[in-house]
C-alpha atoms as a PDB file:
ATOM      1  CA  MET A   1      -0.181 -28.396  -0.515  1.00  0.00           C
ATOM      2  CA  LYS A   2       2.577 -30.981  -0.421  1.00  0.00           C
ATOM      3  CA  ALA A   3       5.486 -28.802  -0.827  1.00  0.00           C
ATOM      4  CA  PHE A   4       4.220 -26.579   2.056  1.00  0.00           C
ATOM      5  CA  GLU A   5       3.794 -29.541   4.271  1.00  0.00           C
ATOM      6  CA  GLU A   6       7.554 -30.582   3.194  1.00  0.00           C
ATOM      7  CA  LEU A   7       8.672 -27.129   4.421  1.00  0.00           C
ATOM      8  CA  VAL A   8       7.037 -27.357   7.659  1.00  0.00           C
ATOM      9  CA  GLN A   9       8.671 -30.642   8.114  1.00  0.00           C
ATOM     10  CA  ILE A  10      12.075 -29.292   7.061  1.00  0.00           C
ATOM     11  CA  VAL A  11      11.846 -26.641   9.745  1.00  0.00           C
ATOM     12  CA  ALA A  12      10.730 -29.072  12.333  1.00  0.00           C
ATOM     13  CA  ARG A  13      13.966 -31.062  11.618  1.00  0.00           C
ATOM     14  CA  LEU A  14      15.935 -28.078  11.510  1.00  0.00           C
ATOM     15  CA  ARG A  15      14.938 -27.196  15.095  1.00  0.00           C
ATOM     16  CA  GLY A  16      14.738 -30.776  16.285  1.00  0.00           C
ATOM     17  CA  GLU A  17      17.158 -33.340  17.805  1.00  0.00           C
ATOM     18  CA  ASN A  18      20.273 -33.295  15.820  1.00  0.00           C
ATOM     19  CA  GLY A  19      19.163 -30.041  13.985  1.00  0.00           C
ATOM     20  CA  CYS A  20      21.106 -27.406  12.637  1.00  0.00           C
ATOM     21  CA  PRO A  21      23.076 -25.550  15.568  1.00  0.00           C
ATOM     22  CA  TRP A  22      22.420 -22.201  13.905  1.00  0.00           C
ATOM     23  CA  ASP A  23      18.624 -22.675  13.493  1.00  0.00           C
ATOM     24  CA  LEU A  24      18.319 -24.323  16.812  1.00  0.00           C
ATOM     25  CA  GLU A  25      19.926 -21.122  18.670  1.00  0.00           C
ATOM     26  CA  GLN A  26      17.718 -18.627  16.926  1.00  0.00           C
ATOM     27  CA  THR A  27      14.881 -16.963  18.866  1.00  0.00           C
ATOM     28  CA  PRO A  28      11.942 -14.611  17.540  1.00  0.00           C
ATOM     29  CA  GLU A  29      14.187 -11.593  18.651  1.00  0.00           C
ATOM     30  CA  SER A  30      17.289 -12.898  16.667  1.00  0.00           C
ATOM     31  CA  PHE A  31      14.834 -13.261  13.696  1.00  0.00           C
ATOM     32  CA  ARG A  32      14.039  -9.753  13.594  1.00  0.00           C
ATOM     33  CA  PRO A  33      16.609  -8.317  11.117  1.00  0.00           C
ATOM     34  CA  TYR A  34      16.202 -11.385   8.792  1.00  0.00           C
ATOM     35  CA  ILE A  35      12.241 -10.835   8.550  1.00  0.00           C
ATOM     36  CA  ILE A  36      12.790  -7.257   7.484  1.00  0.00           C
ATOM     37  CA  GLU A  37      15.622  -7.803   5.136  1.00  0.00           C
ATOM     38  CA  GLU A  38      13.745 -10.618   3.238  1.00  0.00           C
ATOM     39  CA  ALA A  39      10.526  -8.237   3.168  1.00  0.00           C
ATOM     40  CA  TYR A  40      12.684  -5.372   1.471  1.00  0.00           C
ATOM     41  CA  GLU A  41      14.190  -8.046  -0.955  1.00  0.00           C
ATOM     42  CA  VAL A  42      10.745  -8.821  -1.793  1.00  0.00           C
ATOM     43  CA  VAL A  43       9.945  -5.152  -2.517  1.00  0.00           C
ATOM     44  CA  ASP A  44      13.200  -4.973  -4.524  1.00  0.00           C
ATOM     45  CA  ALA A  45      12.299  -7.835  -6.873  1.00  0.00           C
ATOM     46  CA  ILE A  46       8.972  -6.369  -7.471  1.00  0.00           C
ATOM     47  CA  ASP A  47      10.343  -2.880  -8.314  1.00  0.00           C
ATOM     48  CA  ARG A  48      12.857  -4.700 -10.720  1.00  0.00           C
ATOM     49  CA  ARG A  49       9.993  -6.821 -12.061  1.00  0.00           C
ATOM     50  CA  ASP A  50      12.284  -9.779 -11.650  1.00  0.00           C
ATOM     51  CA  ARG A  51       9.806 -12.570 -11.451  1.00  0.00           C
ATOM     52  CA  PRO A  52      12.387 -15.423 -10.756  1.00  0.00           C
ATOM     53  CA  GLU A  53      13.945 -13.392  -7.968  1.00  0.00           C
ATOM     54  CA  LEU A  54      10.337 -12.482  -6.568  1.00  0.00           C
ATOM     55  CA  LYS A  55       9.704 -16.320  -6.533  1.00  0.00           C
ATOM     56  CA  LYS A  56      12.882 -16.809  -4.522  1.00  0.00           C
ATOM     57  CA  GLU A  57      12.118 -13.806  -2.186  1.00  0.00           C
ATOM     58  CA  LEU A  58       8.728 -15.029  -1.393  1.00  0.00           C
ATOM     59  CA  GLY A  59      10.299 -18.492  -0.354  1.00  0.00           C
ATOM     60  CA  ASP A  60      12.545 -16.898   1.764  1.00  0.00           C
ATOM     61  CA  VAL A  61       9.744 -14.942   3.534  1.00  0.00           C
ATOM     62  CA  LEU A  62       7.578 -18.171   3.753  1.00  0.00           C
ATOM     63  CA  PHE A  63      10.593 -19.796   5.524  1.00  0.00           C
ATOM     64  CA  GLN A  64      10.948 -17.109   7.964  1.00  0.00           C
ATOM     65  CA  ILE A  65       7.219 -17.338   8.827  1.00  0.00           C
ATOM     66  CA  VAL A  66       7.456 -20.979   9.257  1.00  0.00           C
ATOM     67  CA  MET A  67      10.522 -20.557  11.434  1.00  0.00           C
ATOM     68  CA  LEU A  68       8.874 -18.146  13.730  1.00  0.00           C
ATOM     69  CA  ALA A  69       5.787 -20.169  14.027  1.00  0.00           C
ATOM     70  CA  ARG A  70       7.742 -23.127  15.032  1.00  0.00           C
ATOM     71  CA  MET A  71       9.423 -21.132  17.693  1.00  0.00           C
ATOM     72  CA  ALA A  72       6.170 -19.929  18.755  1.00  0.00           C
ATOM     73  CA  GLU A  73       4.845 -23.633  19.028  1.00  0.00           C
ATOM     74  CA  GLU A  74       7.894 -24.807  20.997  1.00  0.00           C
ATOM     75  CA  ALA A  75       7.244 -22.108  23.500  1.00  0.00           C
ATOM     76  CA  GLY A  76       3.865 -23.010  23.971  1.00  0.00           C
ATOM     77  CA  TRP A  77       2.280 -19.702  22.422  1.00  0.00           C
ATOM     78  CA  PHE A  78       0.329 -20.960  19.324  1.00  0.00           C
ATOM     79  CA  ASP A  79       1.289 -23.057  16.274  1.00  0.00           C
ATOM     80  CA  LEU A  80       1.250 -22.683  12.573  1.00  0.00           C
ATOM     81  CA  GLY A  81      -2.338 -23.815  12.236  1.00  0.00           C
ATOM     82  CA  ASP A  82      -3.360 -21.122  14.706  1.00  0.00           C
ATOM     83  CA  VAL A  83      -1.653 -18.610  12.570  1.00  0.00           C
ATOM     84  CA  VAL A  84      -3.252 -19.623   9.701  1.00  0.00           C
ATOM     85  CA  ALA A  85      -6.682 -20.022  11.031  1.00  0.00           C
ATOM     86  CA  GLY A  86      -6.250 -16.424  12.349  1.00  0.00           C
ATOM     87  CA  ILE A  87      -5.452 -14.837   8.964  1.00  0.00           C
ATOM     88  CA  ASN A  88      -8.398 -16.792   7.257  1.00  0.00           C
ATOM     89  CA  LYS A  89     -10.779 -15.393   9.953  1.00  0.00           C
ATOM     90  CA  LYS A  90      -9.578 -12.051   9.582  1.00  0.00           C
ATOM     91  CA  MET A  91      -9.872 -12.140   5.838  1.00  0.00           C
ATOM     92  CA  ILE A  92     -13.585 -13.368   5.813  1.00  0.00           C
ATOM     93  CA  ASP A  93     -14.469 -10.929   8.322  1.00  0.00           C
ATOM     94  CA  ARG A  94     -12.888  -8.069   6.597  1.00  0.00           C
ATOM     95  CA  HIS A  95     -14.624  -9.165   3.140  1.00  0.00           C
ATOM     96  CA  PRO A  96     -18.303  -9.724   3.987  1.00  0.00           C
ATOM     97  CA  HIS A  97     -19.004  -8.078   0.605  1.00  0.00           C
ATOM     98  CA  VAL A  98     -17.289 -11.382  -0.805  1.00  0.00           C
ATOM     99  CA  PHE A  99     -17.916 -14.192   1.496  1.00  0.00           C
ATOM    100  CA  ASP A 100     -21.389 -13.090   3.385  1.00  0.00           C
ATOM    101  CA  PRO A 101     -24.375 -14.093   0.944  1.00  0.00           C
ATOM    102  CA  THR A 102     -26.355 -11.916   3.214  1.00  0.00           C
ATOM    103  CA  PHE A 103     -24.307  -8.761   2.861  1.00  0.00           C
ATOM    104  CA  ASP A 104     -26.173  -5.648   1.353  1.00  0.00           C
ATOM    105  CA  ARG A 105     -24.157  -4.956  -1.957  1.00  0.00           C
ATOM    106  CA  SER A 106     -25.701  -1.567  -2.435  1.00  0.00           C
ATOM    107  CA  GLN A 107     -23.221  -0.328   0.413  1.00  0.00           C
ATOM    108  CA  ASP A 108     -19.806   1.006  -0.885  1.00  0.00           C
ATOM    109  CA  PHE A 109     -17.545  -1.446   0.575  1.00  0.00           C
ATOM    110  CA  GLN A 110     -14.445  -1.522  -1.838  1.00  0.00           C
ATOM    111  CA  GLY A 111     -10.954  -0.461  -1.145  1.00  0.00           C
ATOM    112  CA  ILE A 112      -8.653   0.707   1.516  1.00  0.00           C
ATOM    113  CA  GLU A 113     -11.445   2.968   2.851  1.00  0.00           C
ATOM    114  CA  ALA A 114     -13.610  -0.229   3.516  1.00  0.00           C
ATOM    115  CA  TRP A 115     -10.906  -2.289   5.035  1.00  0.00           C
ATOM    116  CA  GLU A 116     -10.111   0.459   7.556  1.00  0.00           C
ATOM    117  CA  ARG A 117     -13.791   0.907   8.674  1.00  0.00           C
ATOM    118  CA  ARG A 118     -13.869  -2.899   9.192  1.00  0.00           C
ATOM    119  CA  LYS A 119     -10.994  -2.623  11.497  1.00  0.00           C
ATOM    120  CA  ALA A 120     -12.293   0.257  13.354  1.00  0.00           C
ATOM    121  CA  LEU A 121     -15.608  -1.698  13.841  1.00  0.00           C
ATOM    122  CA  GLU A 122     -13.532  -4.586  15.324  1.00  0.00           C
ATOM    123  CA  ARG A 123     -11.758  -2.280  17.437  1.00  0.00           C
ATOM    124  CA  ALA A 124     -15.028  -0.200  18.791  1.00  0.00           C
ATOM    125  CA  GLY A 125     -13.931   1.420  22.049  1.00  0.00           C
ATOM    126  CA  GLN A 126     -10.630  -0.272  22.362  1.00  0.00           C
ATOM    127  CA  GLY A 127      -7.839   2.090  21.773  1.00  0.00           C
ATOM    128  CA  SER A 128      -6.912   4.742  19.353  1.00  0.00           C
ATOM    129  CA  ALA A 129      -7.892   4.773  15.475  1.00  0.00           C
ATOM    130  CA  LEU A 130      -4.025   4.914  14.892  1.00  0.00           C
ATOM    131  CA  ASP A 131      -3.178   1.662  16.650  1.00  0.00           C
ATOM    132  CA  GLY A 132      -1.805  -1.005  14.801  1.00  0.00           C
ATOM    133  CA  VAL A 133       1.077   0.718  12.961  1.00  0.00           C
ATOM    134  CA  PRO A 134       4.472  -0.636  14.229  1.00  0.00           C
ATOM    135  CA  GLU A 135       7.055   1.575  15.562  1.00  0.00           C
ATOM    136  CA  ALA A 136       9.714  -0.610  13.629  1.00  0.00           C
ATOM    137  CA  LEU A 137       8.456   0.749  10.271  1.00  0.00           C
ATOM    138  CA  PRO A 138      10.679   2.987   8.225  1.00  0.00           C
ATOM    139  CA  ALA A 139       9.837   6.457   9.000  1.00  0.00           C
ATOM    140  CA  LEU A 140       8.401   7.486   5.724  1.00  0.00           C
ATOM    141  CA  LEU A 141       6.034   4.148   5.545  1.00  0.00           C
ATOM    142  CA  ARG A 142       4.967   4.635   9.007  1.00  0.00           C
ATOM    143  CA  ALA A 143       4.123   8.464   8.525  1.00  0.00           C
ATOM    144  CA  HIS A 144       1.962   7.628   5.635  1.00  0.00           C
ATOM    145  CA  ARG A 145       0.278   4.733   7.635  1.00  0.00           C
ATOM    146  CA  VAL A 146      -0.352   7.053  10.594  1.00  0.00           C
ATOM    147  CA  SER A 147      -1.943   9.866   8.410  1.00  0.00           C
ATOM    148  CA  GLU A 148      -3.694   7.324   6.242  1.00  0.00           C
ATOM    149  CA  LYS A 149      -5.316   6.013   9.485  1.00  0.00           C
ATOM    150  CA  ALA A 150      -6.256   9.593  10.781  1.00  0.00           C
ATOM    151  CA  SER A 151      -7.847  10.117   7.274  1.00  0.00           C
ATOM    152  CA  MET A 152     -10.212   7.276   7.741  1.00  0.00           C
ATOM    153  CA  VAL A 153     -11.753   8.918  10.539  1.00  0.00           C
ATOM    154  CA  GLY A 154     -12.102  12.265   8.786  1.00  0.00           C
ATOM    155  CA  PHE A 155      -9.201  13.930  10.240  1.00  0.00           C
ATOM    156  CA  ASP A 156      -7.711  14.973   6.831  1.00  0.00           C
ATOM    157  CA  TRP A 157      -7.531  17.714   4.478  1.00  0.00           C
ATOM    158  CA  PRO A 158     -10.595  17.899   1.969  1.00  0.00           C
ATOM    159  CA  ASP A 159      -8.528  18.244  -1.170  1.00  0.00           C
ATOM    160  CA  VAL A 160      -5.028  18.543  -2.296  1.00  0.00           C
ATOM    161  CA  GLN A 161      -4.976  22.265  -2.493  1.00  0.00           C
ATOM    162  CA  GLY A 162      -5.368  22.217   1.409  1.00  0.00           C
ATOM    163  CA  VAL A 163      -2.302  19.802   1.971  1.00  0.00           C
ATOM    164  CA  ARG A 164      -0.339  21.867  -0.552  1.00  0.00           C
ATOM    165  CA  ALA A 165      -0.752  24.939   1.360  1.00  0.00           C
ATOM    166  CA  LYS A 166       0.314  23.097   4.394  1.00  0.00           C
ATOM    167  CA  VAL A 167       3.494  22.396   2.752  1.00  0.00           C
ATOM    168  CA  THR A 168       4.243  25.946   2.066  1.00  0.00           C
ATOM    169  CA  GLU A 169       3.465  26.744   5.661  1.00  0.00           C
ATOM    170  CA  GLU A 170       5.908  24.112   6.998  1.00  0.00           C
ATOM    171  CA  LEU A 171       8.775  25.446   4.522  1.00  0.00           C
ATOM    172  CA  ALA A 172       8.345  28.778   5.691  1.00  0.00           C
ATOM    173  CA  GLU A 173       8.486  27.730   9.286  1.00  0.00           C
ATOM    174  CA  LEU A 174      11.765  25.947   8.445  1.00  0.00           C
ATOM    175  CA  ASP A 175      13.289  28.872   6.904  1.00  0.00           C
ATOM    176  CA  GLU A 176      12.301  30.889  10.072  1.00  0.00           C
ATOM    177  CA  ALA A 177      14.250  28.456  12.317  1.00  0.00           C
ATOM    178  CA  LEU A 178      17.173  28.283   9.822  1.00  0.00           C
ATOM    179  CA  GLU A 179      17.416  32.019  10.024  1.00  0.00           C
ATOM    180  CA  GLN A 180      17.015  31.980  13.648  1.00  0.00           C
ATOM    181  CA  GLN A 181      19.753  29.288  13.679  1.00  0.00           C
ATOM    182  CA  ASP A 182      17.898  27.132  16.376  1.00  0.00           C
ATOM    183  CA  ASP A 183      18.909  23.593  15.856  1.00  0.00           C
ATOM    184  CA  ASP A 184      16.033  22.147  17.783  1.00  0.00           C
ATOM    185  CA  ALA A 185      13.356  24.094  15.994  1.00  0.00           C
ATOM    186  CA  VAL A 186      15.278  23.342  12.469  1.00  0.00           C
ATOM    187  CA  ALA A 187      14.596  19.373  13.457  1.00  0.00           C
ATOM    188  CA  GLU A 188      11.289  19.987  14.541  1.00  0.00           C
ATOM    189  CA  GLU A 189      10.063  22.100  11.346  1.00  0.00           C
ATOM    190  CA  LEU A 190      11.973  19.605   8.866  1.00  0.00           C
ATOM    191  CA  GLY A 191      10.053  16.652  10.409  1.00  0.00           C
ATOM    192  CA  ASP A 192       6.793  18.899  10.147  1.00  0.00           C
ATOM    193  CA  LEU A 193       7.707  19.497   6.775  1.00  0.00           C
ATOM    194  CA  MET A 194       8.439  16.024   5.806  1.00  0.00           C
ATOM    195  CA  LEU A 195       5.034  14.935   7.308  1.00  0.00           C
ATOM    196  CA  ALA A 196       3.206  17.431   5.350  1.00  0.00           C
ATOM    197  CA  MET A 197       5.096  16.048   2.084  1.00  0.00           C
ATOM    198  CA  VAL A 198       3.944  12.462   3.058  1.00  0.00           C
ATOM    199  CA  ASN A 199       0.373  13.761   3.306  1.00  0.00           C
ATOM    200  CA  LEU A 200       0.512  15.464   0.033  1.00  0.00           C
ATOM    201  CA  GLY A 201       1.793  12.299  -1.574  1.00  0.00           C
ATOM    202  CA  ARG A 202      -1.449  10.610  -0.213  1.00  0.00           C
ATOM    203  CA  HIS A 203      -3.492  13.224  -2.348  1.00  0.00           C
ATOM    204  CA  LEU A 204      -1.706  12.572  -5.437  1.00  0.00           C
ATOM    205  CA  PRO A 205      -1.630   9.587  -7.994  1.00  0.00           C
ATOM    206  CA  THR A 206       1.801   8.690  -6.643  1.00  0.00           C
ATOM    207  CA  GLY A 207       2.519   8.513  -3.101  1.00  0.00           C
ATOM    208  CA  ALA A 208       5.547   9.693  -1.364  1.00  0.00           C
ATOM    209  CA  GLU A 209       7.344   6.252  -0.866  1.00  0.00           C
ATOM    210  CA  ASP A 210       6.951   5.475  -4.619  1.00  0.00           C
ATOM    211  CA  ALA A 211       7.953   9.299  -5.599  1.00  0.00           C
ATOM    212  CA  LEU A 212      10.953   9.028  -3.331  1.00  0.00           C
ATOM    213  CA  ARG A 213      12.138   5.682  -4.477  1.00  0.00           C
ATOM    214  CA  GLY A 214      11.859   7.042  -8.358  1.00  0.00           C
ATOM    215  CA  ALA A 215      13.735  10.156  -7.413  1.00  0.00           C
ATOM    216  CA  THR A 216      16.533   8.092  -5.681  1.00  0.00           C
ATOM    217  CA  ARG A 217      16.939   5.647  -8.435  1.00  0.00           C
ATOM    218  CA  LYS A 218      17.038   8.688 -10.950  1.00  0.00           C
ATOM    219  CA  PHE A 219      19.618  10.527  -8.892  1.00  0.00           C
ATOM    220  CA  GLU A 220      21.870   7.248  -8.640  1.00  0.00           C
ATOM    221  CA  ALA A 221      21.582   6.495 -12.363  1.00  0.00           C
ATOM    222  CA  ARG A 222      22.786  10.299 -13.282  1.00  0.00           C
ATOM    223  CA  PHE A 223      25.591  10.108 -10.408  1.00  0.00           C
ATOM    224  CA  ARG A 224      26.732   6.708 -12.011  1.00  0.00           C
ATOM    225  CA  ARG A 225      26.645   8.565 -15.501  1.00  0.00           C
ATOM    226  CA  VAL A 226      28.915  11.311 -13.873  1.00  0.00           C
ATOM    227  CA  GLU A 227      31.482   8.776 -12.718  1.00  0.00           C
ATOM    228  CA  ALA A 228      31.620   6.832 -15.826  1.00  0.00           C
ATOM    229  CA  ALA A 229      32.273  10.023 -17.700  1.00  0.00           C
ATOM    230  CA  LEU A 230      34.963  10.795 -15.549  1.00  0.00           C
ATOM    231  CA  ALA A 231      36.315   7.484 -15.664  1.00  0.00           C
ATOM    232  CA  ALA A 232      36.512   7.643 -19.590  1.00  0.00           C
ATOM    233  CA  GLU A 233      38.683  10.616 -19.312  1.00  0.00           C
ATOM    234  CA  GLY A 234      40.941   8.908 -16.763  1.00  0.00           C
ATOM    235  CA  ARG A 235      39.721  11.138 -14.136  1.00  0.00           C
ATOM    236  CA  SER A 236      38.277  10.528 -10.497  1.00  0.00           C
ATOM    237  CA  ILE A 237      35.251  12.105  -9.361  1.00  0.00           C
ATOM    238  CA  HIS A 238      37.161  13.053  -6.227  1.00  0.00           C
ATOM    239  CA  ALA A 239      39.585  15.302  -8.036  1.00  0.00           C
ATOM    240  CA  VAL A 240      36.888  17.414  -9.738  1.00  0.00           C
ATOM    241  CA  ASP A 241      35.893  20.654  -8.340  1.00  0.00           C
ATOM    242  CA  ALA A 242      32.318  21.565  -7.881  1.00  0.00           C
ATOM    243  CA  ASP A 243      31.511  23.610 -10.805  1.00  0.00           C
ATOM    244  CA  GLU A 244      32.828  21.212 -13.220  1.00  0.00           C
ATOM    245  CA  LEU A 245      30.719  18.550 -11.431  1.00  0.00           C
ATOM    246  CA  GLU A 246      27.668  20.534 -11.974  1.00  0.00           C
ATOM    247  CA  GLU A 247      28.282  21.245 -15.595  1.00  0.00           C
ATOM    248  CA  ILE A 248      28.806  17.450 -16.004  1.00  0.00           C
ATOM    249  CA  TRP A 249      25.697  16.632 -13.853  1.00  0.00           C
ATOM    250  CA  ARG A 250      23.714  18.953 -16.407  1.00  0.00           C
ATOM    251  CA  THR A 251      25.152  17.123 -19.355  1.00  0.00           C
ATOM    252  CA  THR A 252      24.399  13.633 -18.075  1.00  0.00           C
ATOM    253  CA  ALA A 253      20.865  14.949 -17.204  1.00  0.00           C
ATOM    254  CA  ARG A 254      20.294  15.941 -21.009  1.00  0.00           C
ATOM    255  CA  ILE A 255      21.785  12.520 -22.087  1.00  0.00           C
ATOM    256  CA  GLY A 256      19.412  10.632 -19.802  1.00  0.00           C
ATOM    257  CA  GLU A 257      16.400  12.518 -21.218  1.00  0.00           C
ATOM    258  CA  ASP A 258      17.516  11.640 -24.612  1.00  0.00           C
ATOM    259  CA  ALA A 259      17.916   7.988 -23.679  1.00  0.00           C
END
């Protein structure tokens, strides 16, 4: 693809002699926050269904990838061709039902379960079934991936009722820790409750990540309506007592439902 080749040349020039001073001083370590930020901007564009912005953000991620591969090449680790060859091989190996004409198509080899089974076969005897989940992932997403990997080897509740009971159990243990005013126990039990909620989300049509994003968006929209309602009366939210705020909150909730 001509445009991709041009990007590779642009990055080479940015990192080459008489290149950009800022780009030249970057390292894989200094690029960590940028690649994370760009990934979240892609997710944001997807959530907002903003196609022009999604195109832009995908370009930004692609630039980060080419830059990191260029740094690796300069260090003698690998080059962009190695990166592409590696992912090509992985995709072919993980999808024998698509690429292998000798594959027995009577097998159930679809979805995330099949993907995880293929990874498990590749790992055979090498480390834990939970390997491969980055520590740097946000806590909610990491909890989902760790519990998902555990479920792939049969370590899971058989149905939603089982995990729902676990949520009730963990909530009771949190209540007990709160009653005892044991800060360490509260922190531990709160974490256990949140992990149970993540597992509950895995057993429901909408996972915990999407559900929490939706709840946060709803809260933000309602809160902004409260601010707007007060501003229309020439008042600030900072000068309103809790009881009145609660009443305005309930009113704006009804407005949101009718909208």
